[in-house]
Amino acid sequence: MLNENERGKITDKIKEISKNFLGEEISQLELRLYPYIDYCLKNGGYLERAKMSREEIGIIQTREQQGYCKRHYDGSITVTREFYNYMQDVLAEGYVLWEF
C-alpha cells in the first residue's frame, strides 16, 4: 500500500512491474517522466523538448528503439497500447493513494 511519503518514488512493486514488462527496472527519472508523457498523450500528444532534460529525451529514445513509442516530426508522440497500459499501472502504483 502506497503512503504519502512514497509518492513518486521507486517501490518494490514498481520494480516488479517494470521488470516484467520492460525486462529491466526503471529509474527514478523515468518514473517521474511518465506523468508528463501521459499528460502529453491525453492533451494533443506533443512533447515540448524544452521541458525535458537530455536524460529524459534519452529515455524516450531508448523506449522508441525498443518499439514502445514513436516520436513524430511534428513533435508528437504515440505509444503502443501495451506500453500505455504498463505506464498506467506504474503511475497508479507510484502516485495514487488508495486509502481515504
N, C-alpha and C. Protein backbone atom coordinates (compact mmCIF):
# COMPACT_ATOMS: atom_id res chain seq x y z
N MET A 1 0.85 -1.18 0.00
CA MET A 1 0.00 0.00 0.00
C MET A 1 0.90 1.24 0.00
N LEU A 2 0.67 2.11 -0.90
CA LEU A 2 1.42 3.36 -1.03
C LEU A 2 1.01 4.33 0.06
N ASN A 3 2.00 4.95 0.68
CA ASN A 3 1.66 6.03 1.61
C ASN A 3 2.17 7.34 1.03
N GLU A 4 1.75 8.43 1.63
CA GLU A 4 2.02 9.76 1.06
C GLU A 4 3.50 10.05 0.89
N ASN A 5 4.35 9.49 1.74
CA ASN A 5 5.79 9.74 1.64
C ASN A 5 6.45 8.97 0.50
N GLU A 6 5.75 7.99 -0.06
CA GLU A 6 6.30 7.17 -1.13
C GLU A 6 5.88 7.64 -2.53
N ARG A 7 5.02 8.63 -2.61
CA ARG A 7 4.54 9.08 -3.92
C ARG A 7 5.71 9.54 -4.79
N GLY A 8 5.75 9.04 -6.02
CA GLY A 8 6.79 9.43 -6.96
C GLY A 8 8.13 8.78 -6.71
N LYS A 9 8.14 7.73 -5.90
CA LYS A 9 9.39 7.02 -5.61
C LYS A 9 9.30 5.59 -6.12
N ILE A 10 10.45 5.03 -6.43
CA ILE A 10 10.51 3.65 -6.88
C ILE A 10 10.22 2.73 -5.70
N THR A 11 9.22 1.88 -5.86
CA THR A 11 8.88 0.90 -4.84
C THR A 11 9.20 -0.49 -5.37
N ASP A 12 9.14 -1.47 -4.50
CA ASP A 12 9.36 -2.85 -4.95
C ASP A 12 8.33 -3.26 -6.00
N LYS A 13 7.09 -2.80 -5.83
CA LYS A 13 6.03 -3.13 -6.79
C LYS A 13 6.32 -2.51 -8.16
N ILE A 14 6.81 -1.27 -8.19
CA ILE A 14 7.17 -0.63 -9.46
C ILE A 14 8.34 -1.36 -10.11
N LYS A 15 9.30 -1.77 -9.31
CA LYS A 15 10.42 -2.55 -9.84
C LYS A 15 9.91 -3.83 -10.49
N GLU A 16 8.97 -4.47 -9.83
CA GLU A 16 8.39 -5.72 -10.35
C GLU A 16 7.62 -5.49 -11.65
N ILE A 17 6.79 -4.45 -11.69
CA ILE A 17 6.01 -4.14 -12.88
C ILE A 17 6.93 -3.84 -14.06
N SER A 18 7.94 -2.99 -13.84
CA SER A 18 8.83 -2.62 -14.95
C SER A 18 9.68 -3.80 -15.39
N LYS A 19 10.13 -4.60 -14.45
CA LYS A 19 10.94 -5.78 -14.79
C LYS A 19 10.13 -6.76 -15.63
N ASN A 20 8.87 -6.96 -15.26
CA ASN A 20 8.01 -7.88 -16.00
C ASN A 20 7.70 -7.38 -17.41
N PHE A 21 7.51 -6.07 -17.56
CA PHE A 21 7.14 -5.53 -18.88
C PHE A 21 8.37 -5.21 -19.73
N LEU A 22 9.30 -4.46 -19.18
CA LEU A 22 10.46 -3.98 -19.95
C LEU A 22 11.65 -4.92 -19.90
N GLY A 23 11.67 -5.81 -18.90
CA GLY A 23 12.83 -6.67 -18.71
C GLY A 23 13.91 -5.99 -17.90
N GLU A 24 13.61 -4.83 -17.34
CA GLU A 24 14.56 -4.06 -16.54
C GLU A 24 13.80 -3.14 -15.59
N GLU A 25 14.48 -2.73 -14.54
CA GLU A 25 13.87 -1.78 -13.61
C GLU A 25 14.05 -0.37 -14.16
N ILE A 26 13.03 0.47 -13.96
CA ILE A 26 13.14 1.85 -14.40
C ILE A 26 13.83 2.68 -13.33
N SER A 27 14.33 3.82 -13.74
CA SER A 27 14.98 4.75 -12.82
C SER A 27 13.94 5.70 -12.22
N GLN A 28 14.36 6.41 -11.20
CA GLN A 28 13.51 7.44 -10.60
C GLN A 28 13.15 8.49 -11.66
N LEU A 29 14.11 8.84 -12.48
CA LEU A 29 13.87 9.84 -13.53
C LEU A 29 12.81 9.36 -14.51
N GLU A 30 12.88 8.10 -14.91
CA GLU A 30 11.87 7.58 -15.84
C GLU A 30 10.50 7.55 -15.20
N LEU A 31 10.43 7.16 -13.94
CA LEU A 31 9.15 7.17 -13.23
C LEU A 31 8.55 8.57 -13.24
N ARG A 32 9.36 9.57 -13.02
CA ARG A 32 8.85 10.94 -12.96
C ARG A 32 8.61 11.54 -14.34
N LEU A 33 9.09 10.88 -15.39
CA LEU A 33 8.81 11.30 -16.76
C LEU A 33 7.44 10.80 -17.22
N TYR A 34 6.99 9.68 -16.71
CA TYR A 34 5.72 9.10 -17.15
C TYR A 34 4.52 10.03 -16.99
N PRO A 35 4.39 10.78 -15.90
CA PRO A 35 3.24 11.69 -15.83
C PRO A 35 3.24 12.73 -16.96
N TYR A 36 4.41 13.18 -17.36
CA TYR A 36 4.48 14.16 -18.46
C TYR A 36 4.08 13.50 -19.78
N ILE A 37 4.60 12.30 -20.04
CA ILE A 37 4.23 11.59 -21.26
C ILE A 37 2.72 11.35 -21.27
N ASP A 38 2.19 10.92 -20.15
CA ASP A 38 0.75 10.67 -20.03
C ASP A 38 -0.05 11.94 -20.30
N TYR A 39 0.38 13.04 -19.73
CA TYR A 39 -0.28 14.33 -19.96
C TYR A 39 -0.26 14.68 -21.45
N CYS A 40 0.90 14.54 -22.08
CA CYS A 40 1.03 14.89 -23.50
C CYS A 40 0.13 14.00 -24.35
N LEU A 41 0.08 12.71 -24.06
CA LEU A 41 -0.77 11.81 -24.83
C LEU A 41 -2.24 12.19 -24.74
N LYS A 42 -2.65 12.66 -23.58
CA LYS A 42 -4.07 12.97 -23.36
C LYS A 42 -4.44 14.40 -23.72
N ASN A 43 -3.45 15.20 -24.09
CA ASN A 43 -3.70 16.61 -24.41
C ASN A 43 -3.04 17.01 -25.71
N GLY A 44 -3.21 16.22 -26.74
CA GLY A 44 -2.72 16.58 -28.06
C GLY A 44 -1.50 15.81 -28.51
N GLY A 45 -0.81 15.15 -27.60
CA GLY A 45 0.30 14.28 -27.99
C GLY A 45 1.62 14.95 -28.26
N TYR A 46 1.78 16.23 -27.91
CA TYR A 46 3.01 16.94 -28.24
C TYR A 46 3.94 17.06 -27.04
N LEU A 47 5.17 16.59 -27.23
CA LEU A 47 6.22 16.75 -26.22
C LEU A 47 6.94 18.06 -26.46
N GLU A 48 7.18 18.81 -25.43
CA GLU A 48 7.97 20.03 -25.56
C GLU A 48 9.38 19.72 -25.08
N ARG A 49 10.30 19.67 -26.03
CA ARG A 49 11.69 19.32 -25.71
C ARG A 49 12.29 20.26 -24.67
N ALA A 50 11.85 21.51 -24.68
CA ALA A 50 12.38 22.49 -23.72
C ALA A 50 12.01 22.13 -22.28
N LYS A 51 10.99 21.31 -22.11
CA LYS A 51 10.56 20.92 -20.77
C LYS A 51 11.22 19.63 -20.30
N MET A 52 12.10 19.06 -21.14
CA MET A 52 12.73 17.78 -20.80
C MET A 52 14.25 17.93 -20.78
N SER A 53 14.87 17.16 -19.91
CA SER A 53 16.34 17.13 -19.85
C SER A 53 16.87 16.18 -20.94
N ARG A 54 18.15 16.24 -21.17
CA ARG A 54 18.78 15.31 -22.13
C ARG A 54 18.57 13.87 -21.70
N GLU A 55 18.65 13.64 -20.40
CA GLU A 55 18.46 12.29 -19.88
C GLU A 55 17.04 11.79 -20.16
N GLU A 56 16.06 12.65 -20.00
CA GLU A 56 14.67 12.27 -20.27
C GLU A 56 14.46 11.99 -21.76
N ILE A 57 15.05 12.80 -22.59
CA ILE A 57 14.97 12.57 -24.04
C ILE A 57 15.64 11.23 -24.38
N GLY A 58 16.74 10.94 -23.70
CA GLY A 58 17.42 9.65 -23.89
C GLY A 58 16.55 8.47 -23.50
N ILE A 59 15.77 8.62 -22.43
CA ILE A 59 14.85 7.56 -22.02
C ILE A 59 13.81 7.33 -23.10
N ILE A 60 13.26 8.41 -23.64
CA ILE A 60 12.26 8.28 -24.71
C ILE A 60 12.88 7.64 -25.95
N GLN A 61 14.11 8.02 -26.28
CA GLN A 61 14.79 7.42 -27.43
C GLN A 61 14.99 5.92 -27.23
N THR A 62 15.36 5.54 -26.02
CA THR A 62 15.54 4.11 -25.72
C THR A 62 14.23 3.36 -25.89
N ARG A 63 13.15 3.89 -25.33
CA ARG A 63 11.85 3.22 -25.44
C ARG A 63 11.38 3.20 -26.89
N GLU A 64 11.75 4.22 -27.65
CA GLU A 64 11.41 4.24 -29.07
C GLU A 64 12.16 3.14 -29.81
N GLN A 65 13.45 2.98 -29.52
CA GLN A 65 14.24 1.93 -30.15
C GLN A 65 13.71 0.54 -29.81
N GLN A 66 13.11 0.42 -28.63
CA GLN A 66 12.54 -0.86 -28.21
C GLN A 66 11.15 -1.10 -28.79
N GLY A 67 10.62 -0.12 -29.50
CA GLY A 67 9.34 -0.28 -30.17
C GLY A 67 8.12 0.07 -29.33
N TYR A 68 8.32 0.75 -28.20
CA TYR A 68 7.21 1.09 -27.31
C TYR A 68 6.55 2.43 -27.66
N CYS A 69 7.29 3.31 -28.31
CA CYS A 69 6.73 4.62 -28.64
C CYS A 69 7.37 5.11 -29.94
N LYS A 70 6.80 6.18 -30.47
CA LYS A 70 7.34 6.79 -31.68
C LYS A 70 7.16 8.30 -31.57
N ARG A 71 8.25 9.01 -31.79
CA ARG A 71 8.20 10.46 -31.88
C ARG A 71 8.08 10.83 -33.34
N HIS A 72 7.24 11.80 -33.62
CA HIS A 72 6.98 12.19 -35.00
C HIS A 72 7.61 13.56 -35.27
N TYR A 73 7.74 13.88 -36.54
CA TYR A 73 8.40 15.13 -36.95
C TYR A 73 7.71 16.38 -36.43
N ASP A 74 6.42 16.30 -36.19
CA ASP A 74 5.69 17.48 -35.69
C ASP A 74 5.79 17.65 -34.17
N GLY A 75 6.58 16.79 -33.51
CA GLY A 75 6.76 16.90 -32.06
C GLY A 75 5.82 16.04 -31.26
N SER A 76 4.95 15.31 -31.95
CA SER A 76 4.00 14.47 -31.22
C SER A 76 4.64 13.12 -30.88
N ILE A 77 3.99 12.43 -29.97
CA ILE A 77 4.44 11.10 -29.58
C ILE A 77 3.23 10.18 -29.56
N THR A 78 3.44 8.96 -29.97
CA THR A 78 2.43 7.92 -29.85
C THR A 78 3.08 6.73 -29.15
N VAL A 79 2.28 5.96 -28.47
CA VAL A 79 2.79 4.78 -27.76
C VAL A 79 1.93 3.58 -28.13
N THR A 80 2.49 2.39 -27.93
CA THR A 80 1.70 1.19 -28.14
C THR A 80 0.68 1.06 -27.02
N ARG A 81 -0.39 0.34 -27.28
CA ARG A 81 -1.41 0.12 -26.25
C ARG A 81 -0.80 -0.61 -25.05
N GLU A 82 0.09 -1.53 -25.31
CA GLU A 82 0.73 -2.28 -24.23
C GLU A 82 1.58 -1.37 -23.35
N PHE A 83 2.33 -0.47 -23.97
CA PHE A 83 3.14 0.46 -23.20
C PHE A 83 2.26 1.43 -22.41
N TYR A 84 1.18 1.87 -23.04
CA TYR A 84 0.25 2.76 -22.36
C TYR A 84 -0.32 2.08 -21.11
N ASN A 85 -0.76 0.83 -21.26
CA ASN A 85 -1.30 0.10 -20.11
C ASN A 85 -0.24 -0.09 -19.02
N TYR A 86 0.97 -0.44 -19.43
CA TYR A 86 2.08 -0.57 -18.47
C TYR A 86 2.31 0.75 -17.73
N MET A 87 2.36 1.84 -18.48
CA MET A 87 2.61 3.15 -17.88
C MET A 87 1.50 3.51 -16.88
N GLN A 88 0.26 3.19 -17.21
CA GLN A 88 -0.84 3.46 -16.29
C GLN A 88 -0.71 2.64 -15.01
N ASP A 89 -0.27 1.40 -15.12
CA ASP A 89 -0.04 0.58 -13.93
C ASP A 89 1.04 1.19 -13.04
N VAL A 90 2.12 1.64 -13.67
CA VAL A 90 3.21 2.27 -12.91
C VAL A 90 2.73 3.57 -12.26
N LEU A 91 2.00 4.38 -13.01
CA LEU A 91 1.50 5.65 -12.45
C LEU A 91 0.55 5.40 -11.29
N ALA A 92 -0.33 4.42 -11.43
CA ALA A 92 -1.25 4.11 -10.33
C ALA A 92 -0.49 3.64 -9.10
N GLU A 93 0.51 2.82 -9.32
CA GLU A 93 1.29 2.30 -8.19
C GLU A 93 2.16 3.39 -7.57
N GLY A 94 2.67 4.30 -8.39
CA GLY A 94 3.61 5.29 -7.90
C GLY A 94 3.02 6.58 -7.40
N TYR A 95 1.78 6.88 -7.78
CA TYR A 95 1.23 8.20 -7.45
C TYR A 95 -0.14 8.21 -6.81
N VAL A 96 -0.89 7.13 -6.90
CA VAL A 96 -2.27 7.14 -6.41
C VAL A 96 -2.33 6.60 -4.99
N LEU A 97 -2.91 7.40 -4.11
CA LEU A 97 -3.16 6.95 -2.75
C LEU A 97 -4.52 6.26 -2.74
N TRP A 98 -4.55 5.00 -2.34
CA TRP A 98 -5.77 4.22 -2.45
C TRP A 98 -6.63 4.28 -1.20
N GLU A 99 -6.07 4.72 -0.10
CA GLU A 99 -6.87 4.82 1.13
C GLU A 99 -7.32 6.25 1.33
N PHE A 100 -8.51 6.43 1.85
CA PHE A 100 -9.01 7.77 2.13
C PHE A 100 -9.79 7.75 3.41
